[in-house]
Amino acid sequence: MLGRHLASAARRRTAPAARWSSTSASSTPSSFRRNLRLLAGATTIATVSYYLGALYPPEFAHLLSPRTAPAPLHPDDPAALAHIAELEEELQHLPVLEAHRQRPDRDDWYETRPYLNLPEERRVNSLTAGTLKGPGKLAIPPLVRSRHDATENWIFIHVGRALCGHEGVIHGGLLATLLDESLARVALLNLPEKVGVTANLNINYKAPTRADQFIVIKVKLDEAQGRKARVSGTVEDMAGNILVEANALFIQPRYAKLLNSTAVRHMLGEPSHSKEPITPGTVAPVPVKLPGGAQTLVDSKNP
C-alpha cells in the first residue's frame, strides 16, 4: 500500500515538469521568431529615420549639429562674381519685394540702393558698406523701399555664412548693427539737419536668424519732436517670421547746424522730391553695374 502511494506521488511530481518541458520546447522557436521580427522592425525604423533625418534634418538638428560651411570666395573669383549676380537676380524676384512694389500705395514709395552712392574712398572705411562687403558676407548692397514722407522703410538684405556666431546662425551683434543703421535711416531723415546719433537701442531676439538667406528689416517712425526721433522695427525672414524686434532713440547734436549734412543724405539715398515715375534716367534711378554683371538702379539726383 505504501509503495503505491509513493509511486502515485512521484507521478504527480514528474507530470507538471514534463508538461512544462514540452511547452517550453514548443514555445522557444515561436518566441525567437517574434523577437527577430521586433529586431528587424526596429532596425528598419531606425534606418529610415536616419536617412530621412540626413536628407531633411529638423530645425533643431541644424542648431545642435550644424554643417561647417566652406570659406568665403575671394571677391575677384569668377565663381564669386557669378554668385553675386545670382543673388541680385534672386533679390529682384523675391515674392515679398514684388508684392510690395505692387501695393495700392506704391506711388507713395521710392526705391534706392544707398551703399552704391558712397565714393570708394569712404566705402573702404565703412563697416557695413566696406568691411562686411563681399561673398559670404553682405554680398550685395541692401535694397531700400522708403516712403516719400520718410515715415517707413523696408530694407532687403542678404546675410551670408561668414557673418555667423554659432555655425549657421547670424551673429546677434551683426543684427544689432544692421538694425542700428536701418533705424537710423528713418530717424535721421526726420531730424531738422539730417544728422543724429544713437542715444539708445533696445533689442529683443525672438528666434535664430539662419545664415545665407534674405531678410527684410521693417522700420517705422514712432515720434519726431525737435532734435529727437523715436523709431521701431523688426527683422523678418521671407516667410514673415519675426526674428528680432527693436526700438531706438536718435538725437541730433546741438552743433549739427555747423556740419555739412550733404554726405549723410547722400549716403542715406534720399531722393529728390519729384513725383515723376521712377524710370531709368528720369528721376533718381540710373542703371549701375554690380559685380558679376547684375544691373540695378541708383539715385542720380541726391541733394
Protein backbone atom coordinates (compact mmCIF):
# COMPACT_ATOMS: atom_id res chain seq x y z
CA MET A 1 0.00 0.00 0.00
CA LEU A 2 2.77 2.33 0.97
CA GLY A 3 4.56 1.56 -2.28
CA ARG A 4 1.52 2.53 -4.34
CA HIS A 5 1.22 5.90 -2.54
CA LEU A 6 4.88 6.66 -3.14
CA ALA A 7 4.59 5.79 -6.83
CA SER A 8 1.48 7.94 -7.20
CA ALA A 9 3.18 10.90 -5.53
CA ALA A 10 6.20 10.52 -7.79
CA ARG A 11 3.97 10.57 -10.88
CA ARG A 12 2.26 13.75 -9.68
CA ARG A 13 5.63 15.46 -9.21
CA THR A 14 7.01 14.50 -12.60
CA ALA A 15 3.89 15.21 -14.67
CA PRO A 16 3.98 19.04 -14.38
CA ALA A 17 7.71 19.04 -15.10
CA ALA A 18 7.11 17.00 -18.23
CA ARG A 19 4.30 19.31 -19.34
CA TRP A 20 6.49 22.42 -18.73
CA SER A 21 9.34 20.86 -20.66
CA SER A 22 7.04 20.10 -23.58
CA THR A 23 5.50 23.61 -23.59
CA SER A 24 8.88 25.30 -23.26
CA ALA A 25 10.30 23.31 -26.12
CA SER A 26 7.38 24.22 -28.39
CA SER A 27 7.30 27.94 -27.42
CA THR A 28 11.03 28.60 -27.83
CA PRO A 29 11.00 28.78 -31.68
CA SER A 30 7.88 30.98 -31.60
CA SER A 31 9.44 33.40 -29.09
CA PHE A 32 12.66 33.54 -31.11
CA ARG A 33 10.78 34.40 -34.29
CA ARG A 34 8.82 37.11 -32.52
CA ASN A 35 11.96 38.72 -31.13
CA LEU A 36 13.59 38.51 -34.55
CA ARG A 37 10.64 40.31 -36.13
CA LEU A 38 10.80 43.02 -33.46
CA LEU A 39 14.52 43.49 -34.05
CA ALA A 40 14.03 43.66 -37.81
CA GLY A 41 11.22 46.22 -37.42
CA ALA A 42 13.26 48.38 -35.06
CA THR A 43 16.26 48.23 -37.39
CA THR A 44 14.11 49.26 -40.37
CA ILE A 45 12.57 52.19 -38.49
CA ALA A 46 15.99 53.36 -37.28
CA THR A 47 17.48 53.13 -40.77
CA VAL A 48 14.61 55.02 -42.42
CA SER A 49 14.68 57.68 -39.68
CA TYR A 50 18.42 58.13 -40.11
CA TYR A 51 18.22 58.69 -43.86
CA LEU A 52 15.19 60.96 -43.60
CA GLY A 53 16.96 62.96 -40.91
CA ALA A 54 20.06 63.24 -43.08
CA LEU A 55 18.09 64.36 -46.12
CA TYR A 56 15.55 66.55 -44.32
CA PRO A 57 17.03 67.47 -40.93
CA PRO A 58 14.69 69.24 -38.48
CA GLU A 59 15.41 72.82 -37.46
CA PHE A 60 16.87 71.96 -34.08
CA ALA A 61 19.29 69.49 -35.72
CA HIS A 62 20.84 72.37 -37.71
CA LEU A 63 21.40 74.26 -34.47
CA LEU A 64 22.74 71.32 -32.46
CA SER A 65 24.95 69.86 -35.17
CA PRO A 66 25.41 72.39 -37.99
CA ARG A 67 27.31 71.58 -41.14
CA THR A 68 30.50 73.59 -41.49
CA ALA A 69 30.37 75.91 -44.48
CA PRO A 70 33.36 76.42 -46.80
CA ALA A 71 35.37 79.62 -46.51
CA PRO A 72 34.03 82.64 -48.46
CA LEU A 73 35.27 83.02 -52.02
CA HIS A 74 37.70 85.75 -52.97
CA PRO A 75 35.82 88.79 -54.32
CA ASP A 76 37.61 88.52 -57.68
CA ASP A 77 36.92 84.81 -58.08
CA PRO A 78 34.69 84.23 -61.15
CA ALA A 79 32.51 81.94 -59.03
CA ALA A 80 32.03 84.75 -56.52
CA LEU A 81 31.05 87.21 -59.24
CA ALA A 82 28.57 84.70 -60.64
CA HIS A 83 27.13 84.11 -57.16
CA ILE A 84 26.68 87.86 -56.59
CA ALA A 85 24.84 88.15 -59.91
CA GLU A 86 22.59 85.24 -58.93
CA LEU A 87 21.80 86.86 -55.58
CA GLU A 88 20.92 90.15 -57.28
CA GLU A 89 18.61 88.30 -59.65
CA GLU A 90 17.01 86.46 -56.73
CA LEU A 91 16.58 89.73 -54.82
CA GLN A 92 14.74 91.40 -57.67
CA HIS A 93 12.27 88.49 -57.82
CA LEU A 94 11.60 87.97 -54.12
CA PRO A 95 7.82 87.48 -53.75
CA VAL A 96 7.75 89.86 -50.76
CA LEU A 97 9.54 92.59 -52.73
CA GLU A 98 7.43 92.07 -55.85
CA ALA A 99 4.23 92.23 -53.77
CA HIS A 100 5.43 95.44 -52.10
CA ARG A 101 6.11 97.02 -55.48
CA GLN A 102 2.50 96.29 -56.47
CA ARG A 103 0.82 97.65 -53.34
CA PRO A 104 -2.08 100.08 -53.90
CA ASP A 105 0.01 102.84 -52.26
CA ARG A 106 3.11 102.06 -54.32
CA ASP A 107 3.29 105.66 -55.60
CA ASP A 108 3.99 106.77 -52.03
CA TRP A 109 7.25 104.80 -52.00
CA TYR A 110 10.60 105.10 -53.73
CA GLU A 111 13.46 102.63 -54.09
CA THR A 112 17.18 103.19 -53.56
CA ARG A 113 20.49 101.37 -53.00
CA PRO A 114 22.27 103.75 -50.56
CA TYR A 115 25.62 101.94 -50.32
CA LEU A 116 26.19 102.37 -54.03
CA ASN A 117 26.16 106.15 -53.56
CA LEU A 118 29.25 106.09 -51.36
CA PRO A 119 32.54 107.02 -53.06
CA GLU A 120 35.14 104.28 -52.84
CA GLU A 121 37.45 106.28 -50.58
CA ARG A 122 34.68 106.42 -47.94
CA ARG A 123 33.31 102.95 -48.57
CA VAL A 124 36.56 101.20 -47.67
CA ASN A 125 36.35 102.59 -44.12
CA SER A 126 32.65 101.82 -43.66
CA LEU A 127 31.81 98.74 -41.60
CA THR A 128 28.70 97.63 -43.49
CA ALA A 129 29.41 99.17 -46.90
CA GLY A 130 33.08 98.18 -46.97
CA THR A 131 34.49 95.85 -44.31
CA LEU A 132 31.49 93.48 -44.33
CA LYS A 133 31.00 93.68 -48.08
CA GLY A 134 31.78 90.60 -50.16
CA PRO A 135 30.94 86.96 -50.90
CA GLY A 136 29.61 85.10 -47.88
CA LYS A 137 29.01 88.37 -46.01
CA LEU A 138 26.88 91.27 -47.27
CA ALA A 139 27.37 90.17 -50.85
CA ILE A 140 25.02 92.69 -52.49
CA PRO A 141 24.02 96.22 -51.45
CA PRO A 142 20.79 96.42 -49.44
CA LEU A 143 17.70 97.46 -51.34
CA VAL A 144 15.61 100.10 -49.57
CA ARG A 145 11.97 100.85 -50.19
CA SER A 146 11.04 104.03 -48.37
CA ARG A 147 8.01 106.25 -48.08
CA HIS A 148 8.43 109.71 -49.58
CA ASP A 149 7.40 111.20 -46.23
CA ALA A 150 10.27 109.27 -44.53
CA THR A 151 7.97 107.57 -42.00
CA GLU A 152 8.61 103.95 -43.02
CA ASN A 153 11.32 101.79 -44.62
CA TRP A 154 11.55 98.20 -45.82
CA ILE A 155 15.20 97.17 -46.27
CA PHE A 156 16.02 93.90 -48.04
CA ILE A 157 19.40 92.38 -47.14
CA HIS A 158 21.14 89.08 -47.86
CA VAL A 159 23.19 87.72 -44.94
CA GLY A 160 25.88 85.16 -45.76
CA ARG A 161 27.53 82.30 -43.89
CA ALA A 162 30.61 84.35 -42.94
CA LEU A 163 28.52 86.50 -40.58
CA CYS A 164 27.79 83.80 -38.01
CA GLY A 165 28.36 83.48 -34.29
CA HIS A 166 27.14 79.91 -33.87
CA GLU A 167 27.72 77.99 -37.11
CA GLY A 168 24.80 78.61 -39.45
CA VAL A 169 23.23 81.35 -37.28
CA ILE A 170 23.85 85.06 -37.90
CA HIS A 171 25.73 86.80 -35.07
CA GLY A 172 23.45 88.85 -32.82
CA GLY A 173 25.90 91.72 -32.88
CA LEU A 174 25.72 91.85 -36.67
CA LEU A 175 21.92 92.02 -36.49
CA ALA A 176 22.22 94.84 -33.94
CA THR A 177 24.48 96.73 -36.36
CA LEU A 178 22.06 96.28 -39.26
CA LEU A 179 19.17 97.38 -37.07
CA ASP A 180 21.06 100.44 -35.84
CA GLU A 181 21.73 101.58 -39.41
CA SER A 182 18.21 100.74 -40.63
CA LEU A 183 16.52 102.51 -37.73
CA ALA A 184 18.89 105.46 -38.17
CA ARG A 185 17.87 105.95 -41.78
CA VAL A 186 14.27 106.74 -40.81
CA ALA A 187 15.25 108.70 -37.70
CA LEU A 188 17.86 110.91 -39.38
CA LEU A 189 15.58 111.84 -42.27
CA ASN A 190 13.12 113.15 -39.66
CA LEU A 191 15.66 115.34 -37.82
CA PRO A 192 15.98 119.02 -38.83
CA GLU A 193 19.59 118.79 -40.04
CA LYS A 194 19.52 115.10 -41.10
CA VAL A 195 22.32 114.40 -38.60
CA GLY A 196 21.93 112.33 -35.44
CA VAL A 197 23.48 109.82 -33.07
CA THR A 198 22.09 106.73 -31.37
CA ALA A 199 21.05 107.58 -27.81
CA ASN A 200 19.76 104.10 -27.00
CA LEU A 201 18.95 100.91 -28.85
CA ASN A 202 16.77 98.18 -27.34
CA ILE A 203 16.74 94.74 -28.96
CA ASN A 204 14.72 91.59 -28.32
CA TYR A 205 15.88 88.47 -30.15
CA LYS A 206 12.83 86.31 -30.90
CA ALA A 207 14.32 83.45 -32.95
CA PRO A 208 17.65 82.42 -34.52
CA THR A 209 18.38 84.13 -37.83
CA ARG A 210 19.63 81.49 -40.23
CA ALA A 211 22.57 82.38 -42.43
CA ASP A 212 22.53 82.51 -46.22
CA GLN A 213 19.06 83.96 -46.62
CA PHE A 214 17.30 87.21 -47.44
CA ILE A 215 15.83 89.16 -44.56
CA VAL A 216 13.74 92.33 -44.52
CA ILE A 217 14.12 95.00 -41.85
CA LYS A 218 10.88 96.93 -41.43
CA VAL A 219 11.21 100.32 -39.74
CA LYS A 220 8.61 102.95 -38.84
CA LEU A 221 8.74 106.36 -37.25
CA ASP A 222 7.09 106.46 -33.83
CA GLU A 223 7.71 110.09 -32.93
CA ALA A 224 9.73 113.07 -34.17
CA GLN A 225 9.98 116.10 -31.93
CA GLY A 226 12.65 118.74 -32.30
CA ARG A 227 16.08 117.15 -32.06
CA LYS A 228 14.71 113.72 -31.09
CA ALA A 229 13.30 110.90 -33.18
CA ARG A 230 11.96 107.59 -31.88
CA VAL A 231 11.74 104.63 -34.24
CA SER A 232 10.96 100.92 -34.03
CA GLY A 233 11.45 97.96 -36.31
CA THR A 234 11.63 94.22 -36.86
CA VAL A 235 13.85 91.77 -38.67
CA GLU A 236 11.79 89.21 -40.57
CA ASP A 237 12.51 86.30 -42.90
CA MET A 238 10.78 85.92 -46.24
CA ALA A 239 8.04 83.82 -44.63
CA GLY A 240 7.10 86.73 -42.37
CA ASN A 241 8.52 85.23 -39.17
CA ILE A 242 9.72 87.92 -36.74
CA LEU A 243 13.32 87.20 -35.77
CA VAL A 244 14.26 90.39 -33.92
CA GLU A 245 12.37 93.37 -32.52
CA ALA A 246 13.97 96.73 -31.73
CA ASN A 247 13.30 100.35 -30.88
CA ALA A 248 15.66 103.27 -30.60
CA LEU A 249 16.04 106.95 -29.79
CA PHE A 250 18.20 109.17 -32.02
CA ILE A 251 19.22 112.70 -31.06
CA GLN A 252 20.55 115.49 -33.23
CA PRO A 253 23.70 117.06 -31.70
CA ARG A 254 23.49 120.74 -30.80
CA TYR A 255 26.35 121.51 -33.17
CA ALA A 256 24.59 119.79 -36.13
CA LYS A 257 23.95 123.10 -37.91
CA LEU A 258 27.69 123.59 -38.19
CA LEU A 259 28.06 120.31 -40.10
CA ASN A 260 27.62 119.62 -43.78
CA SER A 261 24.83 117.07 -43.95
CA THR A 262 25.10 116.56 -47.70
CA ALA A 263 27.33 113.48 -47.34
CA VAL A 264 24.96 111.91 -44.81
CA ARG A 265 21.92 112.50 -47.01
CA HIS A 266 23.83 111.15 -49.97
CA MET A 267 24.74 108.01 -48.01
CA LEU A 268 21.12 107.53 -46.92
CA GLY A 269 20.00 107.60 -50.56
CA GLU A 270 17.46 110.37 -50.03
CA PRO A 271 15.94 111.14 -53.45
CA SER A 272 14.71 114.36 -54.95
CA HIS A 273 11.12 115.22 -54.05
CA SER A 274 9.94 114.89 -57.63
CA LYS A 275 6.77 112.84 -58.13
CA GLU A 276 7.77 111.76 -61.63
CA PRO A 277 7.63 108.00 -62.29
CA ILE A 278 10.79 106.15 -61.28
CA THR A 279 12.31 105.06 -64.58
CA PRO A 280 15.95 104.82 -65.66
CA GLY A 281 17.45 108.23 -66.41
CA THR A 282 14.47 110.37 -65.31
CA VAL A 283 14.20 110.96 -61.57
CA ALA A 284 16.78 109.32 -59.34
CA PRO A 285 17.50 105.87 -60.73
CA VAL A 286 20.07 105.23 -63.41
CA PRO A 287 21.49 101.82 -64.41
CA VAL A 288 24.56 100.74 -62.43
CA LYS A 289 26.51 97.52 -62.89
CA LEU A 290 27.10 95.35 -59.84
CA PRO A 291 29.96 92.85 -59.56
CA GLY A 292 29.16 89.83 -61.68
CA GLY A 293 27.26 91.82 -64.30
CA ALA A 294 23.96 92.32 -62.47
CA GLN A 295 22.29 95.67 -63.08
CA THR A 296 20.39 97.83 -60.62
CA LEU A 297 19.02 101.38 -60.40
CA VAL A 298 20.68 104.03 -58.27
CA ASP A 299 19.61 107.54 -57.26
CA SER A 300 21.18 110.14 -59.55
CA LYS A 301 19.62 113.28 -58.02
CA ASN A 302 20.66 113.20 -54.41
CA PRO A 303 20.89 116.58 -52.72
